[in-house]
Amino acid sequence: MTELSRAQFLRTMPEAVLPHLPAGLRSITPRQPFNWLVQFHFGEPRLHYEISPVPRRQAWELGLHFEARDKDLNRYLLLGMRRHLFEIKNALGTGVEAEMWDRGWTKVYETVPAAPLTPAFQAQIGSRLATIIVTLHPIFATLRADVRALHR
């Protein structure tokens, strides 16, 4: 099977994710702010789903990142996700983690072992991220709405 360049693998990743989303989530916006990752968001680019390589682990990270400038918002969203971690792990598997990260950012993510960048691997990763979005987005949307209601 033909291998894709990393640039092509990432640039065309939205085509591997979007068809797996239900109609109600296809309004998600893909973006590639850096040539080494792809993000998907619903109007708030700093609160996004992401696919990025983890070179030191020979893996790819798939997850939901909270990178708002407001560290309290990031922490609130993480704590809200942690309250649902049992059901998240039940739906997605035990490899999902929810943790503090860098610069006050937080994330809910899993790592997938690296493989040759073939269209089949791209389809596998795209489908998996779509499953993560479908699972996490209702929880995230509720948490985000709660914050908006409190800060009117």
N, C-alpha and C. Protein backbone atom coordinates (compact mmCIF):
# COMPACT_ATOMS: atom_id res chain seq x y z
N MET A 1 0.85 -1.18 0.00
CA MET A 1 0.00 0.00 0.00
C MET A 1 0.90 1.24 0.00
N THR A 2 0.48 2.26 -0.68
CA THR A 2 1.24 3.49 -0.79
C THR A 2 1.26 4.24 0.54
N GLU A 3 2.43 4.76 0.88
CA GLU A 3 2.56 5.54 2.09
C GLU A 3 2.41 7.02 1.76
N LEU A 4 1.71 7.77 2.61
CA LEU A 4 1.54 9.20 2.46
C LEU A 4 2.69 9.92 3.15
N SER A 5 3.03 11.10 2.67
CA SER A 5 3.97 11.92 3.43
C SER A 5 3.23 12.40 4.68
N ARG A 6 3.96 12.77 5.70
CA ARG A 6 3.30 13.26 6.93
C ARG A 6 2.46 14.49 6.61
N ALA A 7 2.97 15.38 5.74
CA ALA A 7 2.21 16.58 5.38
C ALA A 7 0.89 16.20 4.71
N GLN A 8 0.93 15.25 3.80
CA GLN A 8 -0.29 14.82 3.11
C GLN A 8 -1.23 14.09 4.07
N PHE A 9 -0.67 13.26 4.94
CA PHE A 9 -1.45 12.53 5.93
C PHE A 9 -2.27 13.49 6.79
N LEU A 10 -1.62 14.54 7.27
CA LEU A 10 -2.29 15.52 8.13
C LEU A 10 -3.22 16.44 7.34
N ARG A 11 -2.77 16.92 6.20
CA ARG A 11 -3.57 17.85 5.39
C ARG A 11 -4.91 17.24 4.99
N THR A 12 -4.92 15.94 4.72
CA THR A 12 -6.14 15.28 4.27
C THR A 12 -6.89 14.57 5.40
N MET A 13 -6.42 14.72 6.62
CA MET A 13 -7.08 14.08 7.76
C MET A 13 -8.55 14.48 7.91
N PRO A 14 -8.95 15.74 7.67
CA PRO A 14 -10.38 16.04 7.78
C PRO A 14 -11.25 15.13 6.92
N GLU A 15 -10.75 14.73 5.75
CA GLU A 15 -11.51 13.83 4.88
C GLU A 15 -11.67 12.45 5.50
N ALA A 16 -10.79 12.12 6.44
CA ALA A 16 -10.87 10.82 7.12
C ALA A 16 -11.72 10.89 8.38
N VAL A 17 -11.98 12.09 8.88
CA VAL A 17 -12.74 12.26 10.13
C VAL A 17 -14.20 12.61 9.84
N LEU A 18 -14.42 13.63 9.05
CA LEU A 18 -15.77 14.19 8.87
C LEU A 18 -16.83 13.19 8.43
N PRO A 19 -16.55 12.28 7.49
CA PRO A 19 -17.61 11.33 7.10
C PRO A 19 -18.08 10.42 8.21
N HIS A 20 -17.29 10.26 9.26
CA HIS A 20 -17.66 9.38 10.36
C HIS A 20 -18.49 10.09 11.44
N LEU A 21 -18.67 11.39 11.29
CA LEU A 21 -19.44 12.15 12.28
C LEU A 21 -20.91 12.16 11.89
N PRO A 22 -21.81 12.13 12.89
CA PRO A 22 -23.23 12.28 12.57
C PRO A 22 -23.49 13.69 12.06
N ALA A 23 -24.58 13.86 11.35
CA ALA A 23 -24.91 15.15 10.74
C ALA A 23 -24.83 16.30 11.73
N GLY A 24 -25.27 16.10 12.95
CA GLY A 24 -25.28 17.17 13.95
C GLY A 24 -23.91 17.65 14.38
N LEU A 25 -22.86 16.89 14.08
CA LEU A 25 -21.50 17.30 14.45
C LEU A 25 -20.63 17.67 13.26
N ARG A 26 -21.19 17.61 12.07
CA ARG A 26 -20.39 17.90 10.88
C ARG A 26 -20.11 19.39 10.69
N SER A 27 -20.64 20.23 11.57
CA SER A 27 -20.34 21.67 11.50
C SER A 27 -18.96 21.96 12.10
N ILE A 28 -18.28 20.96 12.57
CA ILE A 28 -16.96 21.12 13.15
C ILE A 28 -16.01 21.71 12.10
N THR A 29 -15.12 22.57 12.56
CA THR A 29 -14.18 23.25 11.65
C THR A 29 -12.79 22.67 11.80
N PRO A 30 -12.24 22.11 10.72
CA PRO A 30 -10.86 21.65 10.80
C PRO A 30 -9.89 22.80 10.55
N ARG A 31 -8.72 22.71 11.15
CA ARG A 31 -7.68 23.71 10.90
C ARG A 31 -6.32 23.06 11.16
N GLN A 32 -5.32 23.60 10.50
CA GLN A 32 -3.97 23.10 10.69
C GLN A 32 -3.07 24.29 11.01
N PRO A 33 -3.04 24.71 12.29
CA PRO A 33 -2.27 25.89 12.67
C PRO A 33 -0.76 25.70 12.56
N PHE A 34 -0.34 24.44 12.61
CA PHE A 34 1.07 24.09 12.46
C PHE A 34 1.13 22.89 11.53
N ASN A 35 2.24 22.71 10.84
CA ASN A 35 2.29 21.64 9.85
C ASN A 35 2.37 20.25 10.47
N TRP A 36 2.48 20.16 11.79
CA TRP A 36 2.65 18.85 12.43
C TRP A 36 1.40 18.37 13.19
N LEU A 37 0.29 19.10 13.10
CA LEU A 37 -0.93 18.65 13.77
C LEU A 37 -2.17 19.16 13.05
N VAL A 38 -3.30 18.56 13.39
CA VAL A 38 -4.60 18.99 12.85
C VAL A 38 -5.55 19.13 14.03
N GLN A 39 -6.33 20.21 14.01
CA GLN A 39 -7.31 20.46 15.06
C GLN A 39 -8.70 20.58 14.45
N PHE A 40 -9.70 20.32 15.27
CA PHE A 40 -11.11 20.43 14.88
C PHE A 40 -11.83 21.13 16.03
N HIS A 41 -12.62 22.16 15.72
CA HIS A 41 -13.31 22.89 16.80
C HIS A 41 -14.71 23.31 16.36
N PHE A 42 -15.49 23.70 17.34
CA PHE A 42 -16.86 24.18 17.11
C PHE A 42 -16.94 25.67 17.45
N GLY A 43 -16.11 26.48 16.83
CA GLY A 43 -16.18 27.92 16.99
C GLY A 43 -15.21 28.51 18.00
N GLU A 44 -14.55 27.69 18.77
CA GLU A 44 -13.56 28.15 19.74
C GLU A 44 -12.25 27.38 19.49
N PRO A 45 -11.38 27.93 18.65
CA PRO A 45 -10.18 27.19 18.27
C PRO A 45 -9.30 26.73 19.43
N ARG A 46 -9.35 27.44 20.55
CA ARG A 46 -8.50 27.03 21.69
C ARG A 46 -9.08 25.84 22.45
N LEU A 47 -10.32 25.50 22.18
CA LEU A 47 -10.97 24.32 22.77
C LEU A 47 -11.25 23.39 21.59
N HIS A 48 -10.36 22.43 21.38
CA HIS A 48 -10.38 21.69 20.13
C HIS A 48 -10.03 20.22 20.30
N TYR A 49 -10.43 19.44 19.33
CA TYR A 49 -10.01 18.06 19.19
C TYR A 49 -8.74 18.10 18.36
N GLU A 50 -7.83 17.16 18.59
CA GLU A 50 -6.53 17.25 17.94
C GLU A 50 -5.96 15.88 17.62
N ILE A 51 -5.24 15.84 16.51
CA ILE A 51 -4.40 14.70 16.14
C ILE A 51 -3.00 15.25 16.00
N SER A 52 -2.06 14.67 16.77
CA SER A 52 -0.68 15.14 16.69
C SER A 52 0.27 13.98 17.01
N PRO A 53 1.46 14.02 16.42
CA PRO A 53 2.43 12.95 16.70
C PRO A 53 3.05 13.13 18.08
N VAL A 54 3.45 12.03 18.67
CA VAL A 54 4.19 12.01 19.93
C VAL A 54 5.50 11.29 19.61
N PRO A 55 6.47 12.02 19.06
CA PRO A 55 7.68 11.37 18.55
C PRO A 55 8.44 10.54 19.59
N ARG A 56 8.54 11.03 20.80
CA ARG A 56 9.32 10.31 21.81
C ARG A 56 8.68 8.98 22.19
N ARG A 57 7.43 8.79 21.83
CA ARG A 57 6.72 7.54 22.15
C ARG A 57 6.36 6.75 20.91
N GLN A 58 6.78 7.24 19.74
CA GLN A 58 6.41 6.55 18.49
C GLN A 58 4.90 6.30 18.46
N ALA A 59 4.15 7.40 18.62
CA ALA A 59 2.70 7.28 18.72
C ALA A 59 2.04 8.55 18.18
N TRP A 60 0.73 8.50 18.10
CA TRP A 60 -0.10 9.65 17.76
C TRP A 60 -1.03 9.90 18.94
N GLU A 61 -1.24 11.17 19.24
CA GLU A 61 -2.20 11.54 20.29
C GLU A 61 -3.48 12.00 19.62
N LEU A 62 -4.60 11.50 20.14
CA LEU A 62 -5.94 11.89 19.69
C LEU A 62 -6.68 12.36 20.93
N GLY A 63 -7.26 13.55 20.87
CA GLY A 63 -7.96 13.98 22.06
C GLY A 63 -8.63 15.32 21.97
N LEU A 64 -9.14 15.73 23.10
CA LEU A 64 -9.81 17.02 23.28
C LEU A 64 -8.90 17.87 24.16
N HIS A 65 -8.47 19.01 23.62
CA HIS A 65 -7.54 19.89 24.33
C HIS A 65 -8.26 21.16 24.76
N PHE A 66 -8.01 21.56 26.00
CA PHE A 66 -8.53 22.82 26.53
C PHE A 66 -7.33 23.75 26.68
N GLU A 67 -7.16 24.66 25.74
CA GLU A 67 -6.00 25.55 25.70
C GLU A 67 -6.42 27.02 25.75
N ALA A 68 -7.49 27.29 26.47
CA ALA A 68 -7.96 28.67 26.61
C ALA A 68 -6.94 29.48 27.41
N ARG A 69 -6.96 30.78 27.21
CA ARG A 69 -6.08 31.66 28.01
C ARG A 69 -6.51 31.66 29.48
N ASP A 70 -7.78 31.34 29.70
CA ASP A 70 -8.35 31.29 31.05
C ASP A 70 -8.05 29.91 31.65
N LYS A 71 -7.05 29.84 32.51
CA LYS A 71 -6.64 28.57 33.12
C LYS A 71 -7.75 27.97 33.97
N ASP A 72 -8.58 28.84 34.57
CA ASP A 72 -9.69 28.34 35.38
C ASP A 72 -10.72 27.61 34.51
N LEU A 73 -10.95 28.13 33.31
CA LEU A 73 -11.86 27.46 32.37
C LEU A 73 -11.29 26.10 32.00
N ASN A 74 -10.01 26.04 31.67
CA ASN A 74 -9.39 24.76 31.31
C ASN A 74 -9.54 23.75 32.44
N ARG A 75 -9.29 24.20 33.65
CA ARG A 75 -9.37 23.32 34.82
C ARG A 75 -10.81 22.87 35.05
N TYR A 76 -11.76 23.79 34.92
CA TYR A 76 -13.18 23.45 35.09
C TYR A 76 -13.60 22.38 34.09
N LEU A 77 -13.20 22.57 32.84
CA LEU A 77 -13.57 21.60 31.81
C LEU A 77 -12.92 20.24 32.08
N LEU A 78 -11.67 20.24 32.51
CA LEU A 78 -11.00 18.99 32.85
C LEU A 78 -11.71 18.30 34.01
N LEU A 79 -12.00 19.04 35.08
CA LEU A 79 -12.66 18.44 36.22
C LEU A 79 -14.05 17.90 35.85
N GLY A 80 -14.73 18.62 34.97
CA GLY A 80 -16.03 18.14 34.49
C GLY A 80 -15.89 16.84 33.71
N MET A 81 -14.87 16.76 32.89
CA MET A 81 -14.61 15.53 32.14
C MET A 81 -14.24 14.39 33.08
N ARG A 82 -13.46 14.70 34.09
CA ARG A 82 -13.05 13.66 35.05
C ARG A 82 -14.25 13.07 35.79
N ARG A 83 -15.27 13.90 36.01
CA ARG A 83 -16.48 13.39 36.67
C ARG A 83 -17.17 12.33 35.81
N HIS A 84 -16.88 12.35 34.50
CA HIS A 84 -17.48 11.40 33.56
C HIS A 84 -16.46 10.36 33.08
N LEU A 85 -15.31 10.31 33.72
CA LEU A 85 -14.23 9.47 33.20
C LEU A 85 -14.60 7.98 33.17
N PHE A 86 -15.36 7.52 34.13
CA PHE A 86 -15.77 6.11 34.13
C PHE A 86 -16.56 5.80 32.86
N GLU A 87 -17.55 6.63 32.56
CA GLU A 87 -18.36 6.36 31.36
C GLU A 87 -17.55 6.60 30.09
N ILE A 88 -16.62 7.57 30.09
CA ILE A 88 -15.76 7.81 28.93
C ILE A 88 -14.89 6.59 28.66
N LYS A 89 -14.27 6.07 29.72
CA LYS A 89 -13.42 4.88 29.56
C LYS A 89 -14.25 3.67 29.17
N ASN A 90 -15.46 3.59 29.66
CA ASN A 90 -16.34 2.49 29.28
C ASN A 90 -16.64 2.55 27.78
N ALA A 91 -16.83 3.75 27.25
CA ALA A 91 -17.15 3.91 25.82
C ALA A 91 -15.91 3.83 24.93
N LEU A 92 -14.80 4.41 25.38
CA LEU A 92 -13.62 4.54 24.52
C LEU A 92 -12.47 3.59 24.85
N GLY A 93 -12.48 3.03 26.04
CA GLY A 93 -11.40 2.14 26.45
C GLY A 93 -10.58 2.74 27.57
N THR A 94 -9.82 1.90 28.22
CA THR A 94 -9.09 2.31 29.41
C THR A 94 -7.86 3.14 29.11
N GLY A 95 -7.48 3.26 27.85
CA GLY A 95 -6.30 4.06 27.50
C GLY A 95 -6.54 5.56 27.51
N VAL A 96 -7.77 5.98 27.72
CA VAL A 96 -8.08 7.41 27.74
C VAL A 96 -7.63 8.01 29.07
N GLU A 97 -6.98 9.16 29.01
CA GLU A 97 -6.50 9.87 30.20
C GLU A 97 -7.09 11.28 30.20
N ALA A 98 -7.21 11.85 31.38
CA ALA A 98 -7.68 13.23 31.53
C ALA A 98 -6.73 13.90 32.51
N GLU A 99 -5.97 14.88 32.03
CA GLU A 99 -4.91 15.41 32.90
C GLU A 99 -4.57 16.86 32.61
N MET A 100 -3.90 17.44 33.62
CA MET A 100 -3.31 18.76 33.46
C MET A 100 -2.16 18.60 32.47
N TRP A 101 -1.84 19.68 31.81
CA TRP A 101 -0.80 19.61 30.82
C TRP A 101 0.13 20.78 31.03
N ASP A 102 0.43 21.51 30.01
CA ASP A 102 1.42 22.58 30.01
C ASP A 102 0.72 23.94 30.00
N ARG A 103 1.31 24.96 30.60
CA ARG A 103 0.82 26.34 30.54
C ARG A 103 -0.62 26.52 31.03
N GLY A 104 -1.04 25.67 31.95
CA GLY A 104 -2.42 25.76 32.43
C GLY A 104 -3.41 25.11 31.50
N TRP A 105 -2.93 24.42 30.49
CA TRP A 105 -3.80 23.71 29.56
C TRP A 105 -4.12 22.34 30.14
N THR A 106 -5.20 21.75 29.66
CA THR A 106 -5.61 20.42 30.10
C THR A 106 -6.07 19.64 28.88
N LYS A 107 -6.22 18.32 29.05
CA LYS A 107 -6.63 17.52 27.91
C LYS A 107 -7.20 16.18 28.34
N VAL A 108 -8.03 15.64 27.47
CA VAL A 108 -8.56 14.29 27.56
C VAL A 108 -8.09 13.62 26.28
N TYR A 109 -7.33 12.54 26.39
CA TYR A 109 -6.66 12.01 25.20
C TYR A 109 -6.32 10.54 25.34
N GLU A 110 -5.91 9.98 24.24
CA GLU A 110 -5.30 8.65 24.20
C GLU A 110 -4.17 8.69 23.19
N THR A 111 -3.28 7.72 23.31
CA THR A 111 -2.23 7.59 22.30
C THR A 111 -2.44 6.29 21.54
N VAL A 112 -2.11 6.36 20.27
CA VAL A 112 -2.23 5.23 19.36
C VAL A 112 -0.83 4.96 18.82
N PRO A 113 -0.37 3.72 18.85
CA PRO A 113 0.97 3.43 18.32
C PRO A 113 1.12 3.89 16.88
N ALA A 114 2.27 4.45 16.57
CA ALA A 114 2.56 4.89 15.21
C ALA A 114 2.60 3.68 14.28
N ALA A 115 2.29 3.93 13.04
CA ALA A 115 2.32 2.91 11.99
C ALA A 115 2.68 3.63 10.70
N PRO A 116 3.00 2.89 9.65
CA PRO A 116 3.25 3.56 8.37
C PRO A 116 2.04 4.42 7.98
N LEU A 117 2.30 5.58 7.42
CA LEU A 117 1.25 6.55 7.10
C LEU A 117 0.53 6.17 5.81
N THR A 118 -0.17 5.09 5.84
CA THR A 118 -0.93 4.61 4.69
C THR A 118 -2.35 5.17 4.75
N PRO A 119 -3.06 5.12 3.63
CA PRO A 119 -4.47 5.51 3.68
C PRO A 119 -5.28 4.68 4.68
N ALA A 120 -4.93 3.41 4.84
CA ALA A 120 -5.65 2.57 5.81
C ALA A 120 -5.43 3.06 7.24
N PHE A 121 -4.19 3.42 7.58
CA PHE A 121 -3.92 3.94 8.92
C PHE A 121 -4.61 5.28 9.11
N GLN A 122 -4.61 6.11 8.07
CA GLN A 122 -5.30 7.40 8.15
C GLN A 122 -6.79 7.18 8.41
N ALA A 123 -7.38 6.21 7.71
CA ALA A 123 -8.80 5.91 7.91
C ALA A 123 -9.06 5.43 9.34
N GLN A 124 -8.14 4.61 9.87
CA GLN A 124 -8.27 4.11 11.25
C GLN A 124 -8.22 5.26 12.25
N ILE A 125 -7.24 6.15 12.08
CA ILE A 125 -7.09 7.29 12.98
C ILE A 125 -8.28 8.25 12.85
N GLY A 126 -8.70 8.51 11.62
CA GLY A 126 -9.83 9.41 11.40
C GLY A 126 -11.11 8.89 12.03
N SER A 127 -11.35 7.60 11.87
CA SER A 127 -12.53 6.99 12.46
C SER A 127 -12.46 7.04 13.98
N ARG A 128 -11.28 6.80 14.52
CA ARG A 128 -11.12 6.82 15.98
C ARG A 128 -11.36 8.21 16.54
N LEU A 129 -10.80 9.25 15.88
CA LEU A 129 -11.04 10.61 16.37
C LEU A 129 -12.53 10.94 16.29
N ALA A 130 -13.20 10.51 15.23
CA ALA A 130 -14.64 10.75 15.13
C ALA A 130 -15.37 10.10 16.30
N THR A 131 -14.97 8.90 16.67
CA THR A 131 -15.59 8.22 17.82
C THR A 131 -15.33 9.00 19.11
N ILE A 132 -14.13 9.53 19.25
CA ILE A 132 -13.80 10.34 20.42
C ILE A 132 -14.68 11.60 20.45
N ILE A 133 -14.83 12.25 19.31
CA ILE A 133 -15.67 13.46 19.23
C ILE A 133 -17.11 13.13 19.60
N VAL A 134 -17.64 12.08 19.01
CA VAL A 134 -19.03 11.69 19.28
C VAL A 134 -19.23 11.39 20.77
N THR A 135 -18.24 10.78 21.40
CA THR A 135 -18.35 10.42 22.81
C THR A 135 -18.18 11.62 23.73
N LEU A 136 -17.17 12.45 23.47
CA LEU A 136 -16.85 13.55 24.38
C LEU A 136 -17.68 14.80 24.15
N HIS A 137 -18.12 15.04 22.93
CA HIS A 137 -18.74 16.34 22.65
C HIS A 137 -20.01 16.63 23.46
N PRO A 138 -20.88 15.67 23.67
CA PRO A 138 -22.06 16.01 24.50
C PRO A 138 -21.67 16.45 25.91
N ILE A 139 -20.66 15.83 26.49
CA ILE A 139 -20.19 16.21 27.83
C ILE A 139 -19.57 17.61 27.77
N PHE A 140 -18.69 17.81 26.80
CA PHE A 140 -18.04 19.11 26.64
C PHE A 140 -19.08 20.22 26.42
N ALA A 141 -20.05 19.98 25.54
CA ALA A 141 -21.05 21.00 25.23
C ALA A 141 -21.86 21.38 26.46
N THR A 142 -22.19 20.40 27.30
CA THR A 142 -22.92 20.68 28.54
C THR A 142 -22.07 21.51 29.49
N LEU A 143 -20.81 21.12 29.66
CA LEU A 143 -19.90 21.87 30.54
C LEU A 143 -19.73 23.30 30.04
N ARG A 144 -19.55 23.44 28.74
CA ARG A 144 -19.33 24.78 28.16
C ARG A 144 -20.57 25.64 28.34
N ALA A 145 -21.74 25.06 28.16
CA ALA A 145 -23.00 25.80 28.35
C ALA A 145 -23.17 26.22 29.81
N ASP A 146 -22.76 25.35 30.73
CA ASP A 146 -22.85 25.69 32.15
C ASP A 146 -21.99 26.91 32.47
N VAL A 147 -20.79 26.96 31.90
CA VAL A 147 -19.90 28.11 32.12
C VAL A 147 -20.52 29.38 31.55
N ARG A 148 -21.06 29.30 30.36
CA ARG A 148 -21.71 30.48 29.75
C ARG A 148 -22.88 30.96 30.58
N ALA A 149 -23.66 30.05 31.15
CA ALA A 149 -24.81 30.43 31.96
C ALA A 149 -24.38 31.13 33.24
N LEU A 150 -23.25 30.73 33.78
CA LEU A 150 -22.75 31.34 35.01
C LEU A 150 -22.13 32.73 34.79
N HIS A 151 -21.64 32.96 33.60
CA HIS A 151 -20.93 34.21 33.31
C HIS A 151 -21.66 35.08 32.29
N ARG A 152 -22.94 35.25 32.49
CA ARG A 152 -23.72 36.10 31.59
C ARG A 152 -23.49 37.54 31.88
